[in-house]
Amino acid sequence: MAKAIYTLKMTMFKNEFELTPRELRSLQEMSVFIILIYARAWFEAPLAADAPFNDLTLFHDLHKYRDLNSKISEATVKTFKRHFWYLGTDLVGLALFSDKVTIEEKTKMVEKLAIDKDLDKK
């Protein structure tokens, strides 16, 4: 988050130092991404029970961000996909304790986990 804060500060004080047009454009693009996508995800990250829901929401938001900036969207989606390993059956149970997940979704999750457990026994 420190780099994000520095990026926002540099954008706010852009007139205080010399920037090339390319540097200014990059700072502005990153600032928009930080404000619209990254900040919310970062502040919600410590809530373990909400992590699976937040991660799927973030992934969806990163895809939607393609409409604003396809280059940033593609790079972040590619990076984020490397972190999907922990959304398996072992840790997805955290979502059962989340207030963001509906009862219907929790019921489907339990049913799916039960089916997967039965398949593992065979």
N, C-alpha and C. Protein backbone atom coordinates (compact mmCIF):
# COMPACT_ATOMS: atom_id res chain seq x y z
N MET A 1 0.82 -1.19 0.00
CA MET A 1 0.00 0.00 0.00
C MET A 1 0.87 1.26 0.00
N ALA A 2 2.09 1.14 0.50
CA ALA A 2 2.97 2.32 0.53
C ALA A 2 3.20 2.88 -0.86
N LYS A 3 3.42 2.00 -1.82
CA LYS A 3 3.65 2.46 -3.20
C LYS A 3 2.39 3.13 -3.76
N ALA A 4 1.24 2.60 -3.38
CA ALA A 4 -0.01 3.21 -3.83
C ALA A 4 -0.17 4.62 -3.26
N ILE A 5 0.16 4.76 -1.99
CA ILE A 5 0.07 6.08 -1.35
C ILE A 5 1.03 7.06 -2.01
N TYR A 6 2.26 6.60 -2.27
CA TYR A 6 3.23 7.47 -2.94
C TYR A 6 2.76 7.86 -4.34
N THR A 7 2.15 6.93 -5.03
CA THR A 7 1.62 7.22 -6.37
C THR A 7 0.55 8.31 -6.29
N LEU A 8 -0.36 8.17 -5.32
CA LEU A 8 -1.41 9.18 -5.16
C LEU A 8 -0.83 10.54 -4.79
N LYS A 9 0.17 10.54 -3.91
CA LYS A 9 0.80 11.81 -3.52
C LYS A 9 1.50 12.46 -4.71
N MET A 10 2.20 11.65 -5.50
CA MET A 10 2.89 12.21 -6.66
C MET A 10 1.90 12.80 -7.65
N THR A 11 0.75 12.16 -7.79
CA THR A 11 -0.28 12.68 -8.69
C THR A 11 -0.84 13.99 -8.14
N MET A 12 -1.07 14.05 -6.85
CA MET A 12 -1.60 15.27 -6.25
C MET A 12 -0.63 16.44 -6.38
N PHE A 13 0.65 16.17 -6.25
CA PHE A 13 1.66 17.23 -6.29
C PHE A 13 2.43 17.24 -7.61
N LYS A 14 1.78 16.83 -8.67
CA LYS A 14 2.43 16.72 -9.98
C LYS A 14 3.02 18.04 -10.48
N ASN A 15 2.47 19.15 -10.05
CA ASN A 15 2.97 20.46 -10.49
C ASN A 15 4.20 20.92 -9.73
N GLU A 16 4.57 20.19 -8.69
CA GLU A 16 5.71 20.56 -7.86
C GLU A 16 7.04 20.05 -8.42
N PHE A 17 6.99 19.14 -9.37
CA PHE A 17 8.22 18.64 -9.97
C PHE A 17 7.96 18.32 -11.44
N GLU A 18 9.02 18.17 -12.17
CA GLU A 18 8.91 17.97 -13.62
C GLU A 18 8.63 16.50 -13.94
N LEU A 19 7.60 16.30 -14.72
CA LEU A 19 7.25 14.96 -15.19
C LEU A 19 7.14 14.99 -16.70
N THR A 20 7.55 13.90 -17.32
CA THR A 20 7.33 13.79 -18.76
C THR A 20 5.85 13.50 -18.96
N PRO A 21 5.33 13.75 -20.15
CA PRO A 21 3.92 13.41 -20.41
C PRO A 21 3.62 11.93 -20.15
N ARG A 22 4.56 11.07 -20.49
CA ARG A 22 4.37 9.64 -20.26
C ARG A 22 4.29 9.33 -18.76
N GLU A 23 5.16 9.93 -17.96
CA GLU A 23 5.15 9.71 -16.52
C GLU A 23 3.85 10.21 -15.91
N LEU A 24 3.40 11.37 -16.34
CA LEU A 24 2.16 11.93 -15.82
C LEU A 24 0.97 11.03 -16.17
N ARG A 25 0.91 10.57 -17.41
CA ARG A 25 -0.17 9.69 -17.83
C ARG A 25 -0.16 8.39 -17.01
N SER A 26 1.02 7.83 -16.80
CA SER A 26 1.13 6.60 -16.02
C SER A 26 0.68 6.81 -14.57
N LEU A 27 1.10 7.91 -13.98
CA LEU A 27 0.67 8.22 -12.61
C LEU A 27 -0.84 8.36 -12.52
N GLN A 28 -1.42 9.05 -13.48
CA GLN A 28 -2.87 9.24 -13.47
C GLN A 28 -3.61 7.92 -13.66
N GLU A 29 -3.12 7.09 -14.57
CA GLU A 29 -3.75 5.79 -14.80
C GLU A 29 -3.69 4.92 -13.54
N MET A 30 -2.53 4.90 -12.90
CA MET A 30 -2.38 4.10 -11.68
C MET A 30 -3.23 4.67 -10.55
N SER A 31 -3.33 5.97 -10.46
CA SER A 31 -4.14 6.60 -9.41
C SER A 31 -5.61 6.23 -9.56
N VAL A 32 -6.10 6.23 -10.77
CA VAL A 32 -7.49 5.84 -11.02
C VAL A 32 -7.70 4.38 -10.60
N PHE A 33 -6.76 3.51 -10.96
CA PHE A 33 -6.85 2.10 -10.58
C PHE A 33 -6.85 1.94 -9.05
N ILE A 34 -5.96 2.65 -8.40
CA ILE A 34 -5.87 2.57 -6.93
C ILE A 34 -7.18 3.00 -6.29
N ILE A 35 -7.73 4.10 -6.76
CA ILE A 35 -8.95 4.64 -6.17
C ILE A 35 -10.16 3.75 -6.45
N LEU A 36 -10.30 3.27 -7.67
CA LEU A 36 -11.49 2.50 -8.04
C LEU A 36 -11.44 1.04 -7.62
N ILE A 37 -10.25 0.44 -7.61
CA ILE A 37 -10.15 -1.00 -7.40
C ILE A 37 -9.33 -1.37 -6.16
N TYR A 38 -8.10 -0.92 -6.13
CA TYR A 38 -7.13 -1.44 -5.17
C TYR A 38 -7.42 -1.06 -3.72
N ALA A 39 -7.80 0.17 -3.46
CA ALA A 39 -7.98 0.63 -2.08
C ALA A 39 -9.03 -0.18 -1.33
N ARG A 40 -10.17 -0.41 -1.95
CA ARG A 40 -11.22 -1.18 -1.28
C ARG A 40 -10.75 -2.60 -1.00
N ALA A 41 -10.12 -3.22 -2.00
CA ALA A 41 -9.63 -4.59 -1.82
C ALA A 41 -8.60 -4.66 -0.70
N TRP A 42 -7.73 -3.67 -0.62
CA TRP A 42 -6.69 -3.67 0.40
C TRP A 42 -7.29 -3.53 1.80
N PHE A 43 -8.27 -2.65 1.95
CA PHE A 43 -8.86 -2.44 3.27
C PHE A 43 -9.71 -3.63 3.72
N GLU A 44 -10.26 -4.39 2.79
CA GLU A 44 -11.08 -5.54 3.15
C GLU A 44 -10.26 -6.82 3.30
N ALA A 45 -9.01 -6.80 2.93
CA ALA A 45 -8.17 -8.00 2.94
C ALA A 45 -8.01 -8.65 4.32
N PRO A 46 -7.93 -7.91 5.42
CA PRO A 46 -7.72 -8.56 6.72
C PRO A 46 -8.89 -9.41 7.22
N LEU A 47 -10.03 -9.32 6.60
CA LEU A 47 -11.21 -10.05 7.05
C LEU A 47 -11.21 -11.46 6.45
N ALA A 48 -10.68 -12.43 7.18
CA ALA A 48 -10.47 -13.78 6.65
C ALA A 48 -11.77 -14.43 6.16
N ALA A 49 -12.84 -14.28 6.91
CA ALA A 49 -14.10 -14.92 6.52
C ALA A 49 -14.63 -14.38 5.20
N ASP A 50 -14.31 -13.14 4.90
CA ASP A 50 -14.79 -12.52 3.66
C ASP A 50 -13.81 -12.71 2.50
N ALA A 51 -12.65 -13.30 2.75
CA ALA A 51 -11.61 -13.38 1.72
C ALA A 51 -12.07 -14.06 0.43
N PRO A 52 -12.71 -15.24 0.48
CA PRO A 52 -13.14 -15.85 -0.79
C PRO A 52 -14.11 -14.96 -1.57
N PHE A 53 -15.07 -14.37 -0.88
CA PHE A 53 -16.03 -13.48 -1.54
C PHE A 53 -15.33 -12.25 -2.11
N ASN A 54 -14.47 -11.64 -1.30
CA ASN A 54 -13.74 -10.44 -1.74
C ASN A 54 -12.85 -10.74 -2.94
N ASP A 55 -12.22 -11.90 -2.93
CA ASP A 55 -11.33 -12.26 -4.04
C ASP A 55 -12.11 -12.42 -5.34
N LEU A 56 -13.25 -13.07 -5.27
CA LEU A 56 -14.06 -13.23 -6.48
C LEU A 56 -14.61 -11.88 -6.95
N THR A 57 -14.98 -11.03 -6.01
CA THR A 57 -15.45 -9.69 -6.36
C THR A 57 -14.33 -8.89 -7.01
N LEU A 58 -13.13 -8.97 -6.43
CA LEU A 58 -11.98 -8.27 -7.01
C LEU A 58 -11.69 -8.77 -8.41
N PHE A 59 -11.73 -10.08 -8.60
CA PHE A 59 -11.47 -10.65 -9.92
C PHE A 59 -12.48 -10.13 -10.94
N HIS A 60 -13.74 -10.07 -10.55
CA HIS A 60 -14.79 -9.53 -11.41
C HIS A 60 -14.52 -8.06 -11.72
N ASP A 61 -14.16 -7.28 -10.70
CA ASP A 61 -13.88 -5.86 -10.89
C ASP A 61 -12.68 -5.64 -11.81
N LEU A 62 -11.66 -6.48 -11.68
CA LEU A 62 -10.49 -6.37 -12.55
C LEU A 62 -10.87 -6.61 -14.01
N HIS A 63 -11.76 -7.56 -14.23
CA HIS A 63 -12.24 -7.81 -15.59
C HIS A 63 -13.03 -6.62 -16.12
N LYS A 64 -13.90 -6.07 -15.29
CA LYS A 64 -14.70 -4.91 -15.71
C LYS A 64 -13.82 -3.69 -15.97
N TYR A 65 -12.70 -3.60 -15.29
CA TYR A 65 -11.80 -2.46 -15.45
C TYR A 65 -11.23 -2.40 -16.86
N ARG A 66 -11.36 -3.48 -17.60
CA ARG A 66 -10.89 -3.54 -18.99
C ARG A 66 -11.51 -2.42 -19.82
N ASP A 67 -12.73 -2.02 -19.47
CA ASP A 67 -13.39 -0.94 -20.20
C ASP A 67 -12.68 0.40 -20.02
N LEU A 68 -12.01 0.58 -18.88
CA LEU A 68 -11.28 1.83 -18.61
C LEU A 68 -9.83 1.76 -19.06
N ASN A 69 -9.18 0.63 -18.77
CA ASN A 69 -7.77 0.51 -19.10
C ASN A 69 -7.44 -0.97 -19.30
N SER A 70 -7.42 -1.40 -20.54
CA SER A 70 -7.22 -2.82 -20.82
C SER A 70 -5.83 -3.30 -20.43
N LYS A 71 -4.84 -2.44 -20.54
CA LYS A 71 -3.47 -2.84 -20.22
C LYS A 71 -3.33 -3.18 -18.73
N ILE A 72 -3.83 -2.30 -17.87
CA ILE A 72 -3.77 -2.55 -16.43
C ILE A 72 -4.65 -3.75 -16.08
N SER A 73 -5.82 -3.84 -16.68
CA SER A 73 -6.73 -4.94 -16.41
C SER A 73 -6.09 -6.28 -16.74
N GLU A 74 -5.51 -6.40 -17.91
CA GLU A 74 -4.88 -7.66 -18.32
C GLU A 74 -3.72 -8.04 -17.40
N ALA A 75 -2.91 -7.07 -17.03
CA ALA A 75 -1.76 -7.34 -16.16
C ALA A 75 -2.22 -7.79 -14.77
N THR A 76 -3.22 -7.14 -14.22
CA THR A 76 -3.67 -7.49 -12.87
C THR A 76 -4.42 -8.82 -12.86
N VAL A 77 -5.20 -9.09 -13.90
CA VAL A 77 -5.91 -10.38 -13.98
C VAL A 77 -4.89 -11.51 -14.09
N LYS A 78 -3.88 -11.33 -14.91
CA LYS A 78 -2.84 -12.36 -15.07
C LYS A 78 -2.15 -12.64 -13.74
N THR A 79 -1.81 -11.60 -13.02
CA THR A 79 -1.16 -11.76 -11.72
C THR A 79 -2.10 -12.40 -10.71
N PHE A 80 -3.34 -11.95 -10.69
CA PHE A 80 -4.31 -12.44 -9.72
C PHE A 80 -4.60 -13.93 -9.92
N LYS A 81 -4.59 -14.40 -11.15
CA LYS A 81 -4.87 -15.81 -11.43
C LYS A 81 -3.86 -16.73 -10.76
N ARG A 82 -2.66 -16.25 -10.51
CA ARG A 82 -1.65 -17.07 -9.84
C ARG A 82 -1.98 -17.29 -8.37
N HIS A 83 -2.96 -16.58 -7.85
CA HIS A 83 -3.30 -16.69 -6.44
C HIS A 83 -4.62 -17.44 -6.21
N PHE A 84 -5.13 -18.10 -7.22
CA PHE A 84 -6.39 -18.83 -7.08
C PHE A 84 -6.22 -20.18 -6.38
N TRP A 85 -5.01 -20.62 -6.17
CA TRP A 85 -4.78 -21.93 -5.56
C TRP A 85 -5.45 -22.08 -4.20
N TYR A 86 -5.61 -21.00 -3.47
CA TYR A 86 -6.16 -21.10 -2.12
C TYR A 86 -7.68 -21.01 -2.09
N LEU A 87 -8.32 -20.95 -3.24
CA LEU A 87 -9.79 -20.97 -3.27
C LEU A 87 -10.32 -22.39 -3.42
N GLY A 88 -9.53 -23.36 -3.03
CA GLY A 88 -9.94 -24.75 -3.09
C GLY A 88 -10.83 -25.12 -1.91
N THR A 89 -11.17 -26.38 -1.82
CA THR A 89 -12.11 -26.84 -0.79
C THR A 89 -11.59 -26.65 0.62
N ASP A 90 -10.26 -26.61 0.80
CA ASP A 90 -9.71 -26.46 2.15
C ASP A 90 -10.03 -25.10 2.76
N LEU A 91 -9.91 -24.05 1.99
CA LEU A 91 -10.06 -22.70 2.54
C LEU A 91 -11.36 -22.00 2.16
N VAL A 92 -12.07 -22.55 1.19
CA VAL A 92 -13.31 -21.88 0.78
C VAL A 92 -14.36 -21.93 1.89
N GLY A 93 -14.17 -22.83 2.84
CA GLY A 93 -15.08 -22.91 3.98
C GLY A 93 -15.13 -21.65 4.82
N LEU A 94 -14.10 -20.82 4.70
CA LEU A 94 -14.11 -19.53 5.41
C LEU A 94 -15.33 -18.70 5.04
N ALA A 95 -15.77 -18.85 3.80
CA ALA A 95 -16.91 -18.07 3.32
C ALA A 95 -18.20 -18.41 4.07
N LEU A 96 -18.23 -19.58 4.71
CA LEU A 96 -19.42 -19.95 5.48
C LEU A 96 -19.64 -19.02 6.67
N PHE A 97 -18.60 -18.31 7.08
CA PHE A 97 -18.69 -17.40 8.22
C PHE A 97 -18.83 -15.94 7.79
N SER A 98 -18.96 -15.72 6.50
CA SER A 98 -19.05 -14.36 5.97
C SER A 98 -20.49 -13.87 5.92
N ASP A 99 -20.68 -12.63 6.29
CA ASP A 99 -22.00 -12.01 6.18
C ASP A 99 -22.30 -11.59 4.74
N LYS A 100 -21.29 -11.59 3.90
CA LYS A 100 -21.47 -11.17 2.50
C LYS A 100 -22.04 -12.29 1.63
N VAL A 101 -21.95 -13.52 2.10
CA VAL A 101 -22.44 -14.67 1.35
C VAL A 101 -23.85 -15.00 1.83
N THR A 102 -24.77 -15.15 0.89
CA THR A 102 -26.16 -15.42 1.25
C THR A 102 -26.32 -16.84 1.79
N ILE A 103 -27.41 -17.08 2.50
CA ILE A 103 -27.71 -18.41 3.04
C ILE A 103 -27.83 -19.42 1.89
N GLU A 104 -28.45 -19.00 0.79
CA GLU A 104 -28.60 -19.90 -0.36
C GLU A 104 -27.23 -20.32 -0.91
N GLU A 105 -26.32 -19.36 -1.01
CA GLU A 105 -24.98 -19.67 -1.50
C GLU A 105 -24.23 -20.59 -0.53
N LYS A 106 -24.40 -20.34 0.76
CA LYS A 106 -23.75 -21.18 1.76
C LYS A 106 -24.29 -22.61 1.69
N THR A 107 -25.60 -22.74 1.50
CA THR A 107 -26.21 -24.07 1.38
C THR A 107 -25.64 -24.81 0.18
N LYS A 108 -25.53 -24.13 -0.95
CA LYS A 108 -24.96 -24.76 -2.15
C LYS A 108 -23.50 -25.16 -1.92
N MET A 109 -22.77 -24.32 -1.19
CA MET A 109 -21.37 -24.64 -0.91
C MET A 109 -21.25 -25.90 -0.07
N VAL A 110 -22.08 -26.01 0.96
CA VAL A 110 -22.04 -27.19 1.83
C VAL A 110 -22.41 -28.43 1.04
N GLU A 111 -23.43 -28.33 0.19
CA GLU A 111 -23.83 -29.46 -0.64
C GLU A 111 -22.70 -29.88 -1.57
N LYS A 112 -22.04 -28.91 -2.18
CA LYS A 112 -20.94 -29.20 -3.10
C LYS A 112 -19.76 -29.82 -2.35
N LEU A 113 -19.46 -29.29 -1.17
CA LEU A 113 -18.37 -29.86 -0.37
C LEU A 113 -18.68 -31.29 0.04
N ALA A 114 -19.95 -31.58 0.35
CA ALA A 114 -20.35 -32.93 0.72
C ALA A 114 -20.20 -33.88 -0.46
N ILE A 115 -20.56 -33.43 -1.65
CA ILE A 115 -20.41 -34.25 -2.86
C ILE A 115 -18.93 -34.53 -3.11
N ASP A 116 -18.11 -33.51 -3.01
CA ASP A 116 -16.67 -33.68 -3.21
C ASP A 116 -16.07 -34.64 -2.19
N LYS A 117 -16.56 -34.58 -0.95
CA LYS A 117 -16.07 -35.47 0.10
C LYS A 117 -16.45 -36.91 -0.22
N ASP A 118 -17.69 -37.12 -0.71
CA ASP A 118 -18.13 -38.46 -1.09
C ASP A 118 -17.29 -39.00 -2.24
N LEU A 119 -16.94 -38.16 -3.20
CA LEU A 119 -16.12 -38.59 -4.33
C LEU A 119 -14.71 -38.97 -3.88
N ASP A 120 -14.20 -38.28 -2.88
CA ASP A 120 -12.87 -38.58 -2.36
C ASP A 120 -12.81 -39.95 -1.69
N LYS A 121 -13.95 -40.41 -1.12
CA LYS A 121 -13.99 -41.70 -0.44
C LYS A 121 -13.94 -42.87 -1.42
N LYS A 122 -14.36 -42.65 -2.65
CA LYS A 122 -14.45 -43.74 -3.64
C LYS A 122 -13.11 -44.08 -4.21
